[in-house]
PDB file of N, CA and C in Angstrom:
ATOM      1  N   MET A   1     210.856  98.690 249.050  1.00  0.00           N
ATOM      2  CA  MET A   1     210.455  97.351 248.813  1.00  0.00           C
ATOM      3  C   MET A   1     209.001  97.009 248.955  1.00  0.00           C
ATOM      4  N   GLN A   2     207.953  95.933 248.008  1.00  0.00           N
ATOM      5  CA  GLN A   2     206.824  95.877 248.303  1.00  0.00           C
ATOM      6  C   GLN A   2     206.806  93.909 248.226  1.00  0.00           C
ATOM      7  N   VAL A   3     206.525  93.290 248.589  1.00  0.00           N
ATOM      8  CA  VAL A   3     205.950  91.679 248.624  1.00  0.00           C
ATOM      9  C   VAL A   3     204.846  91.847 248.708  1.00  0.00           C
ATOM     10  N   SER A   4     204.614  90.558 247.577  1.00  0.00           N
ATOM     11  CA  SER A   4     202.882  90.269 247.270  1.00  0.00           C
ATOM     12  C   SER A   4     203.100  88.410 246.925  1.00  0.00           C
ATOM     13  N   ALA A   5     202.270  88.194 246.904  1.00  0.00           N
ATOM     14  CA  ALA A   5     202.111  86.566 246.528  1.00  0.00           C
ATOM     15  C   ALA A   5     201.337  86.268 245.035  1.00  0.00           C
ATOM     16  N   THR A   6     201.759  84.901 244.225  1.00  0.00           N
ATOM     17  CA  THR A   6     201.170  84.406 243.930  1.00  0.00           C
ATOM     18  C   THR A   6     199.345  83.963 244.084  1.00  0.00           C
ATOM     19  N   PRO A   7     198.445  83.703 243.186  1.00  0.00           N
ATOM     20  CA  PRO A   7     197.515  82.932 243.806  1.00  0.00           C
ATOM     21  C   PRO A   7     197.894  81.772 243.616  1.00  0.00           C
ATOM     22  N   GLU A   8     198.422  80.904 243.342  1.00  0.00           N
ATOM     23  CA  GLU A   8     199.253  79.695 244.195  1.00  0.00           C
ATOM     24  C   GLU A   8     199.587  80.007 245.361  1.00  0.00           C
ATOM     25  N   CYS A   9     200.534  80.722 245.724  1.00  0.00           N
ATOM     26  CA  CYS A   9     201.159  80.959 246.953  1.00  0.00           C
ATOM     27  C   CYS A   9     199.772  81.204 247.920  1.00  0.00           C
ATOM     28  N   LEU A  10     199.148  81.880 248.064  1.00  0.00           N
ATOM     29  CA  LEU A  10     197.657  82.432 248.835  1.00  0.00           C
ATOM     30  C   LEU A  10     196.950  81.092 249.074  1.00  0.00           C
ATOM     31  N   GLU A  11     196.609  80.278 248.045  1.00  0.00           N
ATOM     32  CA  GLU A  11     196.307  78.723 247.969  1.00  0.00           C
ATOM     33  C   GLU A  11     196.741  78.013 249.325  1.00  0.00           C
ATOM     34  N   LEU A  12     198.479  78.131 249.335  1.00  0.00           N
ATOM     35  CA  LEU A  12     199.170  77.271 250.268  1.00  0.00           C
ATOM     36  C   LEU A  12     199.064  77.576 250.974  1.00  0.00           C
ATOM     37  N   ILE A  13     199.189  78.836 251.521  1.00  0.00           N
ATOM     38  CA  ILE A  13     199.120  79.409 252.564  1.00  0.00           C
ATOM     39  C   ILE A  13     197.484  79.663 253.066  1.00  0.00           C
ATOM     40  N   ALA A  14     196.636  79.386 252.700  1.00  0.00           N
ATOM     41  CA  ALA A  14     195.046  78.891 253.198  1.00  0.00           C
ATOM     42  C   ALA A  14     195.399  77.645 253.217  1.00  0.00           C
ATOM     43  N   LEU A  15     195.911  76.543 252.991  1.00  0.00           N
ATOM     44  CA  LEU A  15     195.793  74.955 253.454  1.00  0.00           C
ATOM     45  C   LEU A  15     196.471  74.869 254.623  1.00  0.00           C
ATOM     46  N   LEU A  16     198.092  75.667 254.995  1.00  0.00           N
ATOM     47  CA  LEU A  16     199.064  76.027 255.633  1.00  0.00           C
ATOM     48  C   LEU A  16     197.803  76.287 257.047  1.00  0.00           C
ATOM     49  N   LYS A  17     197.220  77.442 256.996  1.00  0.00           N
ATOM     50  CA  LYS A  17     197.027  78.142 258.148  1.00  0.00           C
ATOM     51  C   LYS A  17     195.802  76.783 258.907  1.00  0.00           C
ATOM     52  N   GLN A  18     195.224  75.818 257.593  1.00  0.00           N
ATOM     53  CA  GLN A  18     194.469  75.372 258.225  1.00  0.00           C
ATOM     54  C   GLN A  18     194.751  74.170 259.079  1.00  0.00           C
ATOM     55  N   LYS A  19     195.861  73.996 258.459  1.00  0.00           N
ATOM     56  CA  LYS A  19     196.477  73.175 259.166  1.00  0.00           C
ATOM     57  C   LYS A  19     197.351  73.066 260.559  1.00  0.00           C
ATOM     58  N   HIS A  20     198.050  75.031 260.583  1.00  0.00           N
ATOM     59  CA  HIS A  20     198.415  75.021 261.977  1.00  0.00           C
ATOM     60  C   HIS A  20     198.256  76.511 262.545  1.00  0.00           C
ATOM     61  N   GLY A  21     197.236  76.899 261.773  1.00  0.00           N
ATOM     62  CA  GLY A  21     197.165  78.149 262.774  1.00  0.00           C
ATOM     63  C   GLY A  21     197.772  79.523 261.877  1.00  0.00           C
ATOM     64  N   ASP A  22     197.897  80.441 262.642  1.00  0.00           N
ATOM     65  CA  ASP A  22     198.880  81.670 262.324  1.00  0.00           C
ATOM     66  C   ASP A  22     199.903  81.578 261.916  1.00  0.00           C
ATOM     67  N   LEU A  23     200.327  82.151 260.547  1.00  0.00           N
ATOM     68  CA  LEU A  23     201.535  81.990 259.810  1.00  0.00           C
ATOM     69  C   LEU A  23     202.337  82.901 259.832  1.00  0.00           C
ATOM     70  N   MET A  24     204.002  82.676 260.040  1.00  0.00           N
ATOM     71  CA  MET A  24     204.661  84.219 259.828  1.00  0.00           C
ATOM     72  C   MET A  24     205.333  83.501 258.716  1.00  0.00           C
ATOM     73  N   PHE A  25     206.393  84.394 257.890  1.00  0.00           N
ATOM     74  CA  PHE A  25     207.626  84.122 256.935  1.00  0.00           C
ATOM     75  C   PHE A  25     208.422  84.468 257.386  1.00  0.00           C
ATOM     76  N   HIS A  26     209.687  84.283 257.620  1.00  0.00           N
ATOM     77  CA  HIS A  26     211.471  84.487 257.192  1.00  0.00           C
ATOM     78  C   HIS A  26     211.870  84.359 256.363  1.00  0.00           C
ATOM     79  N   GLN A  27     213.057  84.852 255.854  1.00  0.00           N
ATOM     80  CA  GLN A  27     213.534  85.375 254.833  1.00  0.00           C
ATOM     81  C   GLN A  27     214.864  85.708 255.213  1.00  0.00           C
ATOM     82  N   SER A  28     215.942  84.857 255.340  1.00  0.00           N
ATOM     83  CA  SER A  28     217.563  85.518 256.185  1.00  0.00           C
ATOM     84  C   SER A  28     218.840  85.304 255.617  1.00  0.00           C
ATOM     85  N   GLY A  29     218.514  85.263 254.007  1.00  0.00           N
ATOM     86  CA  GLY A  29     219.417  85.165 253.106  1.00  0.00           C
ATOM     87  C   GLY A  29     220.531  84.378 253.373  1.00  0.00           C
ATOM     88  N   GLY A  30     220.803  83.608 254.421  1.00  0.00           N
ATOM     89  CA  GLY A  30     221.859  82.738 254.559  1.00  0.00           C
ATOM     90  C   GLY A  30     222.392  81.742 253.323  1.00  0.00           C
ATOM     91  N   CYS A  31     222.908  80.937 253.563  1.00  0.00           N
ATOM     92  CA  CYS A  31     223.577  79.876 252.890  1.00  0.00           C
ATOM     93  C   CYS A  31     221.902  78.486 252.816  1.00  0.00           C
ATOM     94  N   CYS A  32     222.752  77.551 251.645  1.00  0.00           N
ATOM     95  CA  CYS A  32     221.246  76.664 251.690  1.00  0.00           C
ATOM     96  C   CYS A  32     220.291  76.990 250.811  1.00  0.00           C
ATOM     97  N   ASP A  33     219.044  76.722 251.899  1.00  0.00           N
ATOM     98  CA  ASP A  33     217.951  77.451 251.740  1.00  0.00           C
ATOM     99  C   ASP A  33     217.209  78.481 252.440  1.00  0.00           C
ATOM    100  N   GLY A  34     218.716  79.386 252.714  1.00  0.00           N
ATOM    101  CA  GLY A  34     218.662  80.658 253.554  1.00  0.00           C
ATOM    102  C   GLY A  34     217.452  81.628 252.953  1.00  0.00           C
ATOM    103  N   SER A  35     217.641  81.697 251.736  1.00  0.00           N
ATOM    104  CA  SER A  35     217.758  82.715 250.822  1.00  0.00           C
ATOM    105  C   SER A  35     215.741  82.354 250.204  1.00  0.00           C
ATOM    106  N   SER A  36     215.661  80.949 250.861  1.00  0.00           N
ATOM    107  CA  SER A  36     214.389  80.775 250.305  1.00  0.00           C
ATOM    108  C   SER A  36     213.054  81.062 251.658  1.00  0.00           C
ATOM    109  N   PRO A  37     211.907  82.165 251.441  1.00  0.00           N
ATOM    110  CA  PRO A  37     211.091  82.589 251.999  1.00  0.00           C
ATOM    111  C   PRO A  37     210.725  81.130 252.947  1.00  0.00           C
ATOM    112  N   MET A  38     210.955  81.411 254.719  1.00  0.00           N
ATOM    113  CA  MET A  38     210.439  80.255 255.762  1.00  0.00           C
ATOM    114  C   MET A  38     208.988  79.962 256.032  1.00  0.00           C
ATOM    115  N   CYS A  39     208.403  79.406 256.450  1.00  0.00           N
ATOM    116  CA  CYS A  39     206.740  79.172 256.674  1.00  0.00           C
ATOM    117  C   CYS A  39     206.835  78.220 258.368  1.00  0.00           C
ATOM    118  N   TYR A  40     206.690  79.715 259.375  1.00  0.00           N
ATOM    119  CA  TYR A  40     206.660  79.209 260.762  1.00  0.00           C
ATOM    120  C   TYR A  40     205.008  79.332 261.047  1.00  0.00           C
ATOM    121  N   PRO A  41     204.780  78.674 262.168  1.00  0.00           N
ATOM    122  CA  PRO A  41     204.014  78.732 263.088  1.00  0.00           C
ATOM    123  C   PRO A  41     204.118  79.920 263.402  1.00  0.00           C
ATOM    124  N   LEU A  42     203.024  81.156 263.812  1.00  0.00           N
ATOM    125  CA  LEU A  42     203.762  82.408 263.988  1.00  0.00           C
ATOM    126  C   LEU A  42     203.740  82.511 265.528  1.00  0.00           C
ATOM    127  N   GLY A  43     204.758  82.662 266.017  1.00  0.00           N
ATOM    128  CA  GLY A  43     205.620  83.202 267.190  1.00  0.00           C
ATOM    129  C   GLY A  43     206.880  81.876 267.385  1.00  0.00           C
ATOM    130  N   GLU A  44     206.650  81.082 266.456  1.00  0.00           N
ATOM    131  CA  GLU A  44     208.080  79.897 266.344  1.00  0.00           C
ATOM    132  C   GLU A  44     208.702  80.098 266.231  1.00  0.00           C
ATOM    133  N   PHE A  45     209.132  81.233 264.925  1.00  0.00           N
ATOM    134  CA  PHE A  45     210.738  81.588 265.042  1.00  0.00           C
ATOM    135  C   PHE A  45     211.025  83.082 265.557  1.00  0.00           C
ATOM    136  N   LYS A  46     212.147  82.987 266.435  1.00  0.00           N
ATOM    137  CA  LYS A  46     212.103  84.401 267.500  1.00  0.00           C
ATOM    138  C   LYS A  46     212.545  85.269 266.518  1.00  0.00           C
ATOM    139  N   VAL A  47     211.888  86.205 266.018  1.00  0.00           N
ATOM    140  CA  VAL A  47     212.024  87.889 265.252  1.00  0.00           C
ATOM    141  C   VAL A  47     213.176  88.397 266.185  1.00  0.00           C
ATOM    142  N   GLY A  48     214.584  88.501 265.616  1.00  0.00           N
ATOM    143  CA  GLY A  48     215.150  89.801 266.559  1.00  0.00           C
ATOM    144  C   GLY A  48     215.395  91.295 266.347  1.00  0.00           C
ATOM    145  N   GLY A  49     216.307  92.337 266.286  1.00  0.00           N
ATOM    146  CA  GLY A  49     216.452  93.471 266.536  1.00  0.00           C
ATOM    147  C   GLY A  49     217.237  93.696 264.987  1.00  0.00           C
ATOM    148  N   GLN A  50     217.907  92.274 264.440  1.00  0.00           N
ATOM    149  CA  GLN A  50     218.102  92.386 262.671  1.00  0.00           C
ATOM    150  C   GLN A  50     217.208  91.821 262.196  1.00  0.00           C
ATOM    151  N   ASP A  51     215.742  91.343 262.206  1.00  0.00           N
ATOM    152  CA  ASP A  51     215.374  91.724 261.299  1.00  0.00           C
ATOM    153  C   ASP A  51     214.297  92.983 260.757  1.00  0.00           C
ATOM    154  N   VAL A  52     213.664  92.527 259.737  1.00  0.00           N
ATOM    155  CA  VAL A  52     213.057  93.754 259.481  1.00  0.00           C
ATOM    156  C   VAL A  52     211.645  93.108 258.919  1.00  0.00           C
ATOM    157  N   LEU A  53     210.659  93.698 259.363  1.00  0.00           N
ATOM    158  CA  LEU A  53     209.422  93.640 258.591  1.00  0.00           C
ATOM    159  C   LEU A  53     209.365  94.165 257.547  1.00  0.00           C
ATOM    160  N   VAL A  54     208.644  93.279 256.704  1.00  0.00           N
ATOM    161  CA  VAL A  54     208.931  93.982 255.181  1.00  0.00           C
ATOM    162  C   VAL A  54     207.800  94.261 254.480  1.00  0.00           C
ATOM    163  N   GLY A  55     206.845  93.406 255.011  1.00  0.00           N
ATOM    164  CA  GLY A  55     204.942  93.334 254.404  1.00  0.00           C
ATOM    165  C   GLY A  55     204.340  92.155 254.868  1.00  0.00           C
ATOM    166  N   GLU A  56     203.161  91.872 254.209  1.00  0.00           N
ATOM    167  CA  GLU A  56     202.474  90.838 254.943  1.00  0.00           C
ATOM    168  C   GLU A  56     202.154  90.048 253.337  1.00  0.00           C
ATOM    169  N   ILE A  57     201.705  88.862 253.309  1.00  0.00           N
ATOM    170  CA  ILE A  57     201.061  87.657 252.618  1.00  0.00           C
ATOM    171  C   ILE A  57     200.446  86.960 253.030  1.00  0.00           C
ATOM    172  N   GLY A  58     199.256  86.991 252.625  1.00  0.00           N
ATOM    173  CA  GLY A  58     197.720  85.857 252.936  1.00  0.00           C
ATOM    174  C   GLY A  58     197.484  86.009 254.489  1.00  0.00           C
ATOM    175  N   GLU A  59     197.723  87.660 255.103  1.00  0.00           N
ATOM    176  CA  GLU A  59     197.737  88.227 256.261  1.00  0.00           C
ATOM    177  C   GLU A  59     198.473  87.757 257.189  1.00  0.00           C
ATOM    178  N   CYS A  60     200.049  87.049 256.326  1.00  0.00           N
ATOM    179  CA  CYS A  60     201.097  86.829 257.786  1.00  0.00           C
ATOM    180  C   CYS A  60     202.058  87.936 257.428  1.00  0.00           C
ATOM    181  N   PRO A  61     202.911  87.775 258.392  1.00  0.00           N
ATOM    182  CA  PRO A  61     203.853  88.366 258.504  1.00  0.00           C
ATOM    183  C   PRO A  61     204.821  88.395 257.672  1.00  0.00           C
ATOM    184  N   PHE A  62     205.863  89.001 256.860  1.00  0.00           N
ATOM    185  CA  PHE A  62     207.087  88.156 256.161  1.00  0.00           C
ATOM    186  C   PHE A  62     208.241  89.411 256.546  1.00  0.00           C
ATOM    187  N   TYR A  63     209.123  89.177 257.381  1.00  0.00           N
ATOM    188  CA  TYR A  63     210.142  89.458 257.662  1.00  0.00           C
ATOM    189  C   TYR A  63     211.248  89.101 256.581  1.00  0.00           C
ATOM    190  N   MET A  64     212.346  90.061 257.160  1.00  0.00           N
ATOM    191  CA  MET A  64     213.661  89.426 255.964  1.00  0.00           C
ATOM    192  C   MET A  64     214.294  90.026 257.429  1.00  0.00           C
ATOM    193  N   GLY A  65     215.861  89.110 257.096  1.00  0.00           N
ATOM    194  CA  GLY A  65     217.284  89.881 258.248  1.00  0.00           C
ATOM    195  C   GLY A  65     217.794  91.086 257.459  1.00  0.00           C
ATOM    196  N   LYS A  66     218.525  91.754 258.106  1.00  0.00           N
ATOM    197  CA  LYS A  66     218.448  93.062 258.098  1.00  0.00           C
ATOM    198  C   LYS A  66     219.967  93.069 256.705  1.00  0.00           C
ATOM    199  N   ALA A  67     220.560  92.005 256.531  1.00  0.00           N
ATOM    200  CA  ALA A  67     221.461  92.333 255.980  1.00  0.00           C
ATOM    201  C   ALA A  67     220.610  91.807 254.350  1.00  0.00           C
ATOM    202  N   GLN A  68     219.703  91.097 254.511  1.00  0.00           N
ATOM    203  CA  GLN A  68     219.211  90.379 253.029  1.00  0.00           C
ATOM    204  C   GLN A  68     218.291  91.741 252.443  1.00  0.00           C
ATOM    205  N   TYR A  69     217.550  92.569 253.835  1.00  0.00           N
ATOM    206  CA  TYR A  69     216.890  93.248 252.991  1.00  0.00           C
ATOM    207  C   TYR A  69     218.051  94.827 252.715  1.00  0.00           C
ATOM    208  N   GLU A  70     218.953  95.468 253.042  1.00  0.00           N
ATOM    209  CA  GLU A  70     219.636  95.959 253.021  1.00  0.00           C
ATOM    210  C   GLU A  70     220.194  96.020 251.422  1.00  0.00           C
ATOM    211  N   LEU A  71     220.810  94.540 250.975  1.00  0.00           N
ATOM    212  CA  LEU A  71     220.547  93.850 249.773  1.00  0.00           C
ATOM    213  C   LEU A  71     219.603  94.438 248.525  1.00  0.00           C
ATOM    214  N   TRP A  72     217.851  94.500 249.164  1.00  0.00           N
ATOM    215  CA  TRP A  72     217.113  93.759 248.527  1.00  0.00           C
ATOM    216  C   TRP A  72     216.253  94.973 248.859  1.00  0.00           C
ATOM    217  N   GLN A  73     215.979  96.180 249.167  1.00  0.00           N
ATOM    218  CA  GLN A  73     215.459  96.806 249.737  1.00  0.00           C
ATOM    219  C   GLN A  73     214.744  97.373 248.333  1.00  0.00           C
ATOM    220  N   HIS A  74     215.678  98.040 247.226  1.00  0.00           N
ATOM    221  CA  HIS A  74     214.935  98.672 246.281  1.00  0.00           C
ATOM    222  C   HIS A  74     214.379  97.488 244.532  1.00  0.00           C
ATOM    223  N   THR A  75     213.840  96.383 245.759  1.00  0.00           N
ATOM    224  CA  THR A  75     213.449  95.306 244.952  1.00  0.00           C
ATOM    225  C   THR A  75     211.986  94.709 245.255  1.00  0.00           C
ATOM    226  N   ASP A  76     211.325  94.358 244.591  1.00  0.00           N
ATOM    227  CA  ASP A  76     209.746  93.908 244.410  1.00  0.00           C
ATOM    228  C   ASP A  76     209.793  92.712 244.318  1.00  0.00           C
ATOM    229  N   LEU A  77     209.169  92.152 245.763  1.00  0.00           N
ATOM    230  CA  LEU A  77     209.430  90.451 245.609  1.00  0.00           C
ATOM    231  C   LEU A  77     207.762  90.009 245.293  1.00  0.00           C
ATOM    232  N   MET A  78     208.227  88.824 244.738  1.00  0.00           N
ATOM    233  CA  MET A  78     206.699  87.727 244.139  1.00  0.00           C
ATOM    234  C   MET A  78     207.224  87.110 244.910  1.00  0.00           C
ATOM    235  N   ILE A  79     206.393  86.684 245.768  1.00  0.00           N
ATOM    236  CA  ILE A  79     206.085  84.999 246.518  1.00  0.00           C
ATOM    237  C   ILE A  79     205.281  84.038 245.767  1.00  0.00           C
ATOM    238  N   ASP A  80     205.940  83.097 245.675  1.00  0.00           N
ATOM    239  CA  ASP A  80     205.877  81.863 244.746  1.00  0.00           C
ATOM    240  C   ASP A  80     205.798  80.879 245.288  1.00  0.00           C
ATOM    241  N   VAL A  81     205.158  79.861 244.682  1.00  0.00           N
ATOM    242  CA  VAL A  81     205.275  78.297 245.276  1.00  0.00           C
ATOM    243  C   VAL A  81     205.664  77.758 243.773  1.00  0.00           C
ATOM    244  N   VAL A  82     206.857  75.998 244.087  1.00  0.00           N
ATOM    245  CA  VAL A  82     207.180  75.308 242.789  1.00  0.00           C
ATOM    246  C   VAL A  82     206.552  73.920 243.517  1.00  0.00           C
ATOM    247  N   GLU A  83     206.764  73.124 242.696  1.00  0.00           N
ATOM    248  CA  GLU A  83     206.534  71.603 243.043  1.00  0.00           C
ATOM    249  C   GLU A  83     208.323  71.374 243.537  1.00  0.00           C
ATOM    250  N   GLY A  84     207.916  70.029 244.422  1.00  0.00           N
ATOM    251  CA  GLY A  84     209.271  69.855 244.837  1.00  0.00           C
ATOM    252  C   GLY A  84     210.174  70.200 246.441  1.00  0.00           C
ATOM    253  N   ARG A  85     210.916  69.961 247.090  1.00  0.00           N
ATOM    254  CA  ARG A  85     211.160  69.807 248.657  1.00  0.00           C
ATOM    255  C   ARG A  85     212.327  70.357 248.445  1.00  0.00           C
ATOM    256  N   GLY A  86     212.244  71.630 249.220  1.00  0.00           N
ATOM    257  CA  GLY A  86     213.830  72.281 249.747  1.00  0.00           C
ATOM    258  C   GLY A  86     214.043  71.644 251.050  1.00  0.00           C
ATOM    259  N   ALA A  87     215.412  72.215 251.531  1.00  0.00           N
ATOM    260  CA  ALA A  87     215.595  71.552 252.245  1.00  0.00           C
ATOM    261  C   ALA A  87     215.791  72.354 253.592  1.00  0.00           C
ATOM    262  N   SER A  88     214.702  72.158 254.198  1.00  0.00           N
ATOM    263  CA  SER A  88     214.388  73.338 254.897  1.00  0.00           C
ATOM    264  C   SER A  88     213.194  73.032 255.653  1.00  0.00           C
ATOM    265  N   PHE A  89     212.916  73.554 257.576  1.00  0.00           N
ATOM    266  CA  PHE A  89     212.288  73.117 258.334  1.00  0.00           C
ATOM    267  C   PHE A  89     210.638  73.841 257.487  1.00  0.00           C
ATOM    268  N   SER A  90     210.348  74.269 256.679  1.00  0.00           N
ATOM    269  CA  SER A  90     209.549  75.540 256.311  1.00  0.00           C
ATOM    270  C   SER A  90     208.177  74.684 256.030  1.00  0.00           C
ATOM    271  N   LEU A  91     206.913  74.708 256.881  1.00  0.00           N
ATOM    272  CA  LEU A  91     205.863  73.854 256.978  1.00  0.00           C
ATOM    273  C   LEU A  91     205.296  73.187 256.070  1.00  0.00           C
ATOM    274  N   GLU A  92     205.910  74.259 254.435  1.00  0.00           N
ATOM    275  CA  GLU A  92     205.351  73.144 253.304  1.00  0.00           C
ATOM    276  C   GLU A  92     205.657  72.445 252.822  1.00  0.00           C
ATOM    277  N   ILE A  93     207.070  71.781 253.264  1.00  0.00           N
ATOM    278  CA  ILE A  93     207.642  70.856 252.808  1.00  0.00           C
ATOM    279  C   ILE A  93     207.134  69.528 252.531  1.00  0.00           C
ATOM    280  N   PRO A  94     205.804  69.406 253.669  1.00  0.00           N
ATOM    281  CA  PRO A  94     205.482  67.967 253.976  1.00  0.00           C
ATOM    282  C   PRO A  94     204.173  67.947 252.632  1.00  0.00           C
ATOM    283  N   GLU A  95     203.808  69.136 252.238  1.00  0.00           N
ATOM    284  CA  GLU A  95     203.213  68.787 250.948  1.00  0.00           C
ATOM    285  C   GLU A  95     203.832  69.131 249.880  1.00  0.00           C
ATOM    286  N   GLY A  96     204.595  68.411 249.665  1.00  0.00           N
ATOM    287  CA  GLY A  96     205.805  68.629 247.922  1.00  0.00           C
ATOM    288  C   GLY A  96     206.464  69.717 247.608  1.00  0.00           C
ATOM    289  N   LYS A  97     205.738  70.558 248.339  1.00  0.00           N
ATOM    290  CA  LYS A  97     205.908  72.098 247.757  1.00  0.00           C
ATOM    291  C   LYS A  97     206.678  73.102 248.667  1.00  0.00           C
ATOM    292  N   ARG A  98     207.499  74.154 247.655  1.00  0.00           N
ATOM    293  CA  ARG A  98     207.863  75.307 247.969  1.00  0.00           C
ATOM    294  C   ARG A  98     208.175  76.287 247.868  1.00  0.00           C
ATOM    295  N   PHE A  99     208.326  77.397 248.818  1.00  0.00           N
ATOM    296  CA  PHE A  99     208.193  78.956 248.443  1.00  0.00           C
ATOM    297  C   PHE A  99     209.479  78.982 247.986  1.00  0.00           C
ATOM    298  N   ILE A 100     209.182  80.176 247.072  1.00  0.00           N
ATOM    299  CA  ILE A 100     210.150  80.941 246.140  1.00  0.00           C
ATOM    300  C   ILE A 100     209.843  82.492 245.959  1.00  0.00           C
ATOM    301  N   VAL A 101     211.086  83.008 245.577  1.00  0.00           N
ATOM    302  CA  VAL A 101     211.163  84.262 245.544  1.00  0.00           C
ATOM    303  C   VAL A 101     211.381  84.729 244.170  1.00  0.00           C
ATOM    304  N   ARG A 102     210.385  85.130 243.424  1.00  0.00           N
ATOM    305  CA  ARG A 102     210.775  86.024 241.896  1.00  0.00           C
ATOM    306  C   ARG A 102     211.155  87.179 242.336  1.00  0.00           C
ATOM    307  N   SER A 103     212.153  88.250 242.445  1.00  0.00           N
ATOM    308  CA  SER A 103     212.439  90.029 242.438  1.00  0.00           C
ATOM    309  C   SER A 103     212.997  90.309 241.252  1.00  0.00           C
ATOM    310  N   GLU A 104     211.956  91.981 241.404  1.00  0.00           N
ATOM    311  CA  GLU A 104     212.415  92.972 239.834  1.00  0.00           C
ATOM    312  C   GLU A 104     212.598  93.995 240.893  1.00  0.00           C
ATOM    313  N   VAL A 105     213.774  94.322 240.097  1.00  0.00           N
ATOM    314  CA  VAL A 105     214.123  95.406 241.055  1.00  0.00           C
ATOM    315  C   VAL A 105     213.173  97.151 240.273  1.00  0.00           C
ATOM    316  N   CYS A 106     212.843  97.656 241.731  1.00  0.00           N
ATOM    317  CA  CYS A 106     211.848  98.780 241.806  1.00  0.00           C
ATOM    318  C   CYS A 106     211.959  99.292 240.380  1.00  0.00           C
ATOM    319  N   SER A 107     210.616  99.816 239.731  1.00  0.00           N
ATOM    320  CA  SER A 107     210.382 101.157 238.802  1.00  0.00           C
ATOM    321  C   SER A 107     210.970 102.266 238.944  1.00  0.00           C
ATOM    322  N   VAL A 108     210.007 102.402 240.597  1.00  0.00           N
ATOM    323  CA  VAL A 108     210.275 103.900 240.795  1.00  0.00           C
ATOM    324  C   VAL A 108     211.026 103.914 241.645  1.00  0.00           C
TER     325      VAL A 108
END
């Protein structure tokens, strides 16, 4: 699995870092917005034994719940941003944007 980010995503991460300091991402795979990447101040979301560090985007750690990781481990993830609000507590919501995942099955 590889996780990367679009230029628009990296711009939003930079803005959020200016406002909130160091950040982290978590994707749980749960219901509602649970399959959307959630952005938190670093350390605010307590990572547990069922979470897997899959990489970094914008120098921010990106974690995924183990069950989601097992389903997506052969998938490359591109984190992007779209206009609109998600139903979550993620830091980008007040900006009128939301992070989304674009995925592609690994070719290797």
